[in-house]
Amino acid sequence: MGFKITKDNVHTAADEIAWNKTGMIFKCTCEDPFRYAEGTHAFQVLDDDGNICFEGVSDDDSCFCPLDWSEPLCGSTEIRYQDEETKEYKTL
């Protein structure tokens, strides 16, 4: 299982572009071996001020791995997955 970052709102300054995570695929630590299945579950990772740090897609809409991965990068404290029916983001 894995996830892919589709938008990086943390690394946007000219001197940070080399660190931008957009397009990168990451392995979830809760499952082995690594099998990214082109995830379709949209998520947002937010910091404690409610700012969206990263957006992406995951293989599983009940996994905290994107939140765990992003915490040291931006101090993220919340992950929201998009409800497939209503298209609204809901905190996991």
C-alpha atoms as a PDB file:
ATOM      1  CA  MET A   1       0.000   0.000   0.000  1.00  0.00           C
ATOM      2  CA  GLY A   2       1.148   3.529  -0.661  1.00  0.00           C
ATOM      3  CA  PHE A   3       0.251   7.109  -1.397  1.00  0.00           C
ATOM      4  CA  LYS A   4       1.196   9.803  -3.885  1.00  0.00           C
ATOM      5  CA  ILE A   5       1.527  13.532  -3.275  1.00  0.00           C
ATOM      6  CA  THR A   6      -0.341  15.554  -5.913  1.00  0.00           C
ATOM      7  CA  LYS A   7       0.204  19.025  -4.433  1.00  0.00           C
ATOM      8  CA  ASP A   8       2.891  20.340  -2.096  1.00  0.00           C
ATOM      9  CA  ASN A   9       1.964  23.606  -0.371  1.00  0.00           C
ATOM     10  CA  VAL A  10       5.021  23.506   1.905  1.00  0.00           C
ATOM     11  CA  HIS A  11       7.896  23.688  -0.584  1.00  0.00           C
ATOM     12  CA  THR A  12       6.817  26.532  -2.868  1.00  0.00           C
ATOM     13  CA  ALA A  13       9.566  29.167  -2.639  1.00  0.00           C
ATOM     14  CA  ALA A  14      12.147  29.279  -5.427  1.00  0.00           C
ATOM     15  CA  ASP A  15      14.893  27.963  -3.137  1.00  0.00           C
ATOM     16  CA  GLU A  16      12.661  25.072  -1.985  1.00  0.00           C
ATOM     17  CA  ILE A  17      11.573  23.726  -5.381  1.00  0.00           C
ATOM     18  CA  ALA A  18      14.208  20.970  -5.239  1.00  0.00           C
ATOM     19  CA  TRP A  19      12.470  19.649  -2.091  1.00  0.00           C
ATOM     20  CA  ASN A  20       8.930  19.709  -3.555  1.00  0.00           C
ATOM     21  CA  LYS A  21       7.169  16.350  -3.090  1.00  0.00           C
ATOM     22  CA  THR A  22       4.579  16.660  -5.889  1.00  0.00           C
ATOM     23  CA  GLY A  23       4.463  13.448  -7.933  1.00  0.00           C
ATOM     24  CA  MET A  24       6.405  11.386  -5.397  1.00  0.00           C
ATOM     25  CA  ILE A  25       5.101   7.976  -4.295  1.00  0.00           C
ATOM     26  CA  PHE A  26       5.631   6.790  -0.725  1.00  0.00           C
ATOM     27  CA  LYS A  27       5.302   3.415   0.960  1.00  0.00           C
ATOM     28  CA  CYS A  28       2.898   3.074   3.856  1.00  0.00           C
ATOM     29  CA  THR A  29       4.629   1.717   6.921  1.00  0.00           C
ATOM     30  CA  CYS A  30       1.566  -0.256   8.028  1.00  0.00           C
ATOM     31  CA  GLU A  31       1.896  -2.909   5.315  1.00  0.00           C
ATOM     32  CA  ASP A  32       4.658  -4.918   3.674  1.00  0.00           C
ATOM     33  CA  PRO A  33       5.614  -5.545   0.908  1.00  0.00           C
ATOM     34  CA  PHE A  34       5.201  -2.269  -0.938  1.00  0.00           C
ATOM     35  CA  ARG A  35       2.432  -2.398  -3.537  1.00  0.00           C
ATOM     36  CA  TYR A  36       1.209   0.986  -4.743  1.00  0.00           C
ATOM     37  CA  ALA A  37      -2.046   0.389  -6.611  1.00  0.00           C
ATOM     38  CA  GLU A  38      -2.466   3.840  -8.193  1.00  0.00           C
ATOM     39  CA  GLY A  39      -4.546   5.087  -5.268  1.00  0.00           C
ATOM     40  CA  THR A  40      -7.850   6.807  -5.870  1.00  0.00           C
ATOM     41  CA  HIS A  41      -8.682   8.000  -2.345  1.00  0.00           C
ATOM     42  CA  ALA A  42      -8.033  11.765  -2.233  1.00  0.00           C
ATOM     43  CA  PHE A  43      -6.625  13.177   1.009  1.00  0.00           C
ATOM     44  CA  GLN A  44      -5.432  16.422   2.533  1.00  0.00           C
ATOM     45  CA  VAL A  45      -2.871  16.773   5.324  1.00  0.00           C
ATOM     46  CA  LEU A  46      -3.290  19.871   7.502  1.00  0.00           C
ATOM     47  CA  ASP A  47      -1.247  21.603  10.172  1.00  0.00           C
ATOM     48  CA  ASP A  48      -2.669  22.736  13.511  1.00  0.00           C
ATOM     49  CA  ASP A  49      -3.672  26.100  12.002  1.00  0.00           C
ATOM     50  CA  GLY A  50      -5.869  24.318   9.437  1.00  0.00           C
ATOM     51  CA  ASN A  51      -3.531  25.048   6.510  1.00  0.00           C
ATOM     52  CA  ILE A  52      -3.404  22.340   3.848  1.00  0.00           C
ATOM     53  CA  CYS A  53       0.222  21.211   3.685  1.00  0.00           C
ATOM     54  CA  PHE A  54      -0.086  18.352   1.199  1.00  0.00           C
ATOM     55  CA  GLU A  55      -2.755  16.848  -1.025  1.00  0.00           C
ATOM     56  CA  GLY A  56      -2.597  13.422  -2.561  1.00  0.00           C
ATOM     57  CA  VAL A  57      -4.159  10.053  -3.298  1.00  0.00           C
ATOM     58  CA  SER A  58      -3.884   6.855  -1.290  1.00  0.00           C
ATOM     59  CA  ASP A  59      -4.651   3.181  -1.797  1.00  0.00           C
ATOM     60  CA  ASP A  60      -6.600   3.151   1.489  1.00  0.00           C
ATOM     61  CA  ASP A  61      -8.983   5.784   2.844  1.00  0.00           C
ATOM     62  CA  SER A  62      -8.467   4.714   6.457  1.00  0.00           C
ATOM     63  CA  CYS A  63      -4.681   4.957   6.687  1.00  0.00           C
ATOM     64  CA  PHE A  64      -2.780   7.512   8.768  1.00  0.00           C
ATOM     65  CA  CYS A  65       0.529   6.973   6.903  1.00  0.00           C
ATOM     66  CA  PRO A  66       0.420  10.270   4.936  1.00  0.00           C
ATOM     67  CA  LEU A  67      -0.094  12.114   8.235  1.00  0.00           C
ATOM     68  CA  ASP A  68       2.746  10.226   9.937  1.00  0.00           C
ATOM     69  CA  TRP A  69       5.033  10.875   6.956  1.00  0.00           C
ATOM     70  CA  SER A  70       4.301  14.617   6.792  1.00  0.00           C
ATOM     71  CA  GLU A  71       4.460  15.411  10.521  1.00  0.00           C
ATOM     72  CA  PRO A  72       8.234  16.067  10.602  1.00  0.00           C
ATOM     73  CA  LEU A  73       8.042  18.125   7.378  1.00  0.00           C
ATOM     74  CA  CYS A  74       5.311  20.572   8.355  1.00  0.00           C
ATOM     75  CA  GLY A  75       4.020  19.724  11.819  1.00  0.00           C
ATOM     76  CA  SER A  76       0.868  18.162  10.395  1.00  0.00           C
ATOM     77  CA  THR A  77      -1.811  17.199  12.887  1.00  0.00           C
ATOM     78  CA  GLU A  78      -4.828  16.180  10.786  1.00  0.00           C
ATOM     79  CA  ILE A  79      -5.660  14.069   7.745  1.00  0.00           C
ATOM     80  CA  ARG A  80      -8.891  14.347   5.788  1.00  0.00           C
ATOM     81  CA  TYR A  81     -10.118  11.911   3.153  1.00  0.00           C
ATOM     82  CA  GLN A  82     -12.609  12.854   0.461  1.00  0.00           C
ATOM     83  CA  ASP A  83     -15.969  11.118   0.714  1.00  0.00           C
ATOM     84  CA  GLU A  84     -16.519   9.491  -2.675  1.00  0.00           C
ATOM     85  CA  GLU A  85     -20.253  10.246  -2.692  1.00  0.00           C
ATOM     86  CA  THR A  86     -20.417  13.798  -1.314  1.00  0.00           C
ATOM     87  CA  LYS A  87     -16.905  14.878  -2.422  1.00  0.00           C
ATOM     88  CA  GLU A  88     -16.479  16.580   0.965  1.00  0.00           C
ATOM     89  CA  TYR A  89     -13.295  16.080   2.981  1.00  0.00           C
ATOM     90  CA  LYS A  90     -13.787  14.449   6.369  1.00  0.00           C
ATOM     91  CA  THR A  91     -11.247  14.114   9.163  1.00  0.00           C
ATOM     92  CA  LEU A  92     -10.135  10.553   9.799  1.00  0.00           C
END
